[in-house]
Amino acid sequence: MGIIDIIGNNAAQIDAAEYEQKVREKYPSALLQSDERIVFAFKSLGGSGRDHYMLTTKRLLIKDKMGITGKQIGYKTVPYTSVRAFSLETCGSLDTDSEMKVYARGIGTVSVDFNKNVDVLAIHRFLSSVVIQGKAAGEEYVADTASGYGNGSGDASTGIFDLLGSNYAQIDKHELESRLKPSGVLLPQEKVELAFKCGRDSIIMTSLRILKIDVQGVTGKKIEYLTILWPSIRGFSVETAGNILDRDSELTLYFNLPSKECSSEGSPRNQRTRMKIDFRDGQADIFAVQRFISDKLLGPDTMAPSEHGGAMAGYNDTGSGSILAWLGDDSRMVDPREAEAQFRFILQSCESVELAFKGRRDMILFTTKRIIFIDKQGLFGIGKKTEFISIPYRTITTFSLRSAGSFVDKDSELCLWLDFDDVFYPRRSNEDDPPPPPIPRRSYLEIDFQKDKVDIFVVHRYLSERLMRVNGHKMKPYTSPVSSELLMPSSADTGTNLLDWIGNNASAIDPKACDIKFHEAGLLQHDEHIAFAFKTGRDSLYLTNKRLFVIDVQGITGKKKEYMSVPLDSIRVWSVESAGHLDRDMELRVWFKAFWDNKVKQDLRKGKADIFAIQSFIAHFVIGNADGNSALRNAQAYEPSKTGAMTKILGFLSDAHMKDPGELTSQLRSSPALLQEDESVEAAFKAGRDLFIITTKRIIVIDKKGITGKSVEYKSSPLMYNTAFKIETEGHLLSGPEVKVYTADDDIKQELAKGQKDNIWLIHEILSNKMLNNPKKDFSEEEVHVDVGNVDQSSYAPTPTQQYSPVVAAQPYVQPTTFQVQLPAGIVAGQQIQVQHPNTNQMLVITVPNGVPPGGVFNVSA
């Protein structure tokens, strides 16, 4: 212990076995589970403090004594299953403390400072073992031969311009792996697949993670080892090199890493959202790097290039035809076949383009695996620099389509909510102005379409097919193309006729009649049906067995309409609220997975909706196990809750003593029907007029509001999205016990009455069992699994005998060849013909574009 450790609150390592014995003696079977062991233990203030940090076999456990006396103690649990990234930083020459940072879902960043005697590499090895093994995405390649991404065994020396620009060059991955394995930085079975170096720093892409080694300070003694798991990457972009002054290419990775929020002007809200890597010109093939990232995030490339075009092949592009559309850079639909031929080099061989859109100079590709935004930079898009942004479908959580409005609003829009926090706080233009509002950047995207060139209902049907999860929360496989029937143009008055019909109905709409109308309009999938329908003013809301569907009529004229789809699998929290004395409306609130404007609120007229039927329906699809059809039948058959059900539950809440969980389970299955048939209450705690309930599937907070307490909110948070928790024992005076559960959205905080010492430990035991022994998997965080035995060698992988240059060995970008084809006799526009490529001799299947006369000539690019 030294003065520096006390001032810096640097923790010192203590004997783990000895401290575990003390913990078990003080908290028999309460704090630690019977099969849980403390591997590392640390004490604050260089060993003289009162706080403790424990790395057990199941979690990071922090004991925090609060207040002057330290009577009130907080115990924070961070399960290893919730960790997305972690970093260890060694001590430097002058800076003698080391540091550990853990980035965990819900709770954010947990940081612990250590004194110089702590072996942080030993902690790095331990965290690598408990966090990565069995959890991280990606598979190591079986063969010992070099992969198609290259060995990079060339010159890794860095010039002064590369140092100033932080430009990376590829280095020999085998040599680097041999240096890192003995020190334990890598796991024994872990393989280095790509490695880059700039000056003293390195970025390493392994079979299990991305590892950034940041050498700091003048002496380079202080080193940070940052580990990021592959499932944390939600999108990426590559940017080609520009002209003379801009000679480096770039890779940007987008993460959903939890971090401490920042609201400073000129800063992102989350400091760990982006990682930008600049590559030296000629020292890395940017397209080979993007193919490597594609294989990790989208699944491996398993086949040779496809010979068949997309579902809209043959679509004739007649240009924008409008100066306003050209100035607004509104996108129009183009032939996906031609787009696929033009950008084949950016796609996987097993990936094909199904829809394509073109603006003034940029393009958007909807493929079988992702959406690709192609941004041509420079004046009028004629520059050499081009950015390719890839958003996997699993990253898109919600979408909406807006029709064009009146007067100057002549474009339609597609809106996408993405699963990473890229929100940014701009700087104010001058000091006298108020701070500008935050902007979403790529957390939320709006794409403008030219209204007469894009059928928004075609886009709606396409995204419904690609984004709606089925068969055990699985997305539509890329091997299953979207049916061409769903992409046929809609009737010009589809939206108008539907809204006219809805406008003639009362505030409660017959779901069966809506179901027929929506299927006629092509807004629902074939196996999708409406269970509940509500209308408020000009707007309406529908609950189907796959989504929450909101139709929002906008503007004075009401010509602009938004069709918003929130897949039920994206819902993270929901609540229903009964009507009060003065407020005659009931309310439904839904929070979905996103980082920008992720709440849907709907008022429901009293007597026109059964809020318990609605919440039970949502619960079935979010936390239930039954299939959608059976649940749908139950939902359609729901009858309003029995008269007096609300009165019974209010009377129950007014009781002065706690009820038995079994009795409460029986109560909440009938009056009202709040629980599912296979769901039961494990613990219930009363705080004032409110009730905090932990069931086998979720946490329910029943909150009585207002003076009379007639209005009651029932808020449900599924356990599968609860990622960490903290309990606090009672302190002096009025300070009672408290529990806090960290979720992907708003945290759940509940205070208990003073004197409930046993109850707070009961909560700790229940939550520990839920999160440590049987964690509910968030299917949206599922890894990319690769069946190595069934994967053919990639089409761009070199043979084992091939010699490698400093540049990544991969297929070079070949400019598409444009050649003329004469239409054979008897063939008309819209039919397909086979032609031979003049350079590669490959046989291509081409759809004859519209407008080509019999015997005429047309151009083909491939």
Foldseek 3Di string as FASTA:
>chain_A
DDPVQQVVFAKEWDDQVVVVVVVCVVQPCQFDHPPKGFDTKIATSHPPHDKMWTDILFWIWIWAQDDPVSPKIKIWTFGLQFFFKKKKKAADDPRQKIKIWTFGFQVFIDIHIHGNVDDRLVVLLVSCVRNFVPAFFADAAPDPFAWQQFQLDADFDADPVCLVVVAKFWHGQVVVCVVPVVSSNDDPVKGFNTKIDDDPWIWTDIRFWIWTWDQDDPVSPIIMTMTGGLLQFQWKKKKQAFDDVGQKIKIKTAGQTGHCADQDAPFARHNPGIDMHIHGHPRADRLSVLLVNCCFAQNHQFDAADQDAALQAQADDPDLPDPLQQVVQAKFWDHQRQVCLQPVSNDRRLKHFHTKIGGQQWIWTDILFWIWTKAQDDDSSPTPMIMIITGGLLQWQKKKKKAADDDPRQWIKIKTAGQHQGKHFHQDPDPVDDGDDIDRVPRMDIHIHRRVRDQVQLVLLQSCQQNFAADVRHGDHSVDHDDSVSNDHFDPCLVVVLLVVVVVDDQFDQQVVNQVSCVVSSNDDPPKGWLGKGDDVSKIWTDILFWIWIWDQDDPVSPMIMTITRTLLQWFKKKKKAADDPRQWIKIKTAGRGNPPRIDIDTHGPPRDARLLVLVLSCCNHFNDDHSVVSSVVSNPDDHADPCLLVVVQVVLPDPDDDDQVVVQVSCCHSPNNDDPPKTWPDWAHDVSKIWTDIPFWIWIWDQDDPVSSMIMTMTGTQLFFRIKMKMDADPDFGHIKIWTRGSDDIDIDGHGHPPRVVRSVVVVVNCCARRVPRRHSVSSHGRDHDSVSGDRRPFTDDSVDDGDSYTRGDDDDRWDKDKDWADAPDDAQDWDWDADPPPRDIHIHGHHPPADGRGMDMHTD
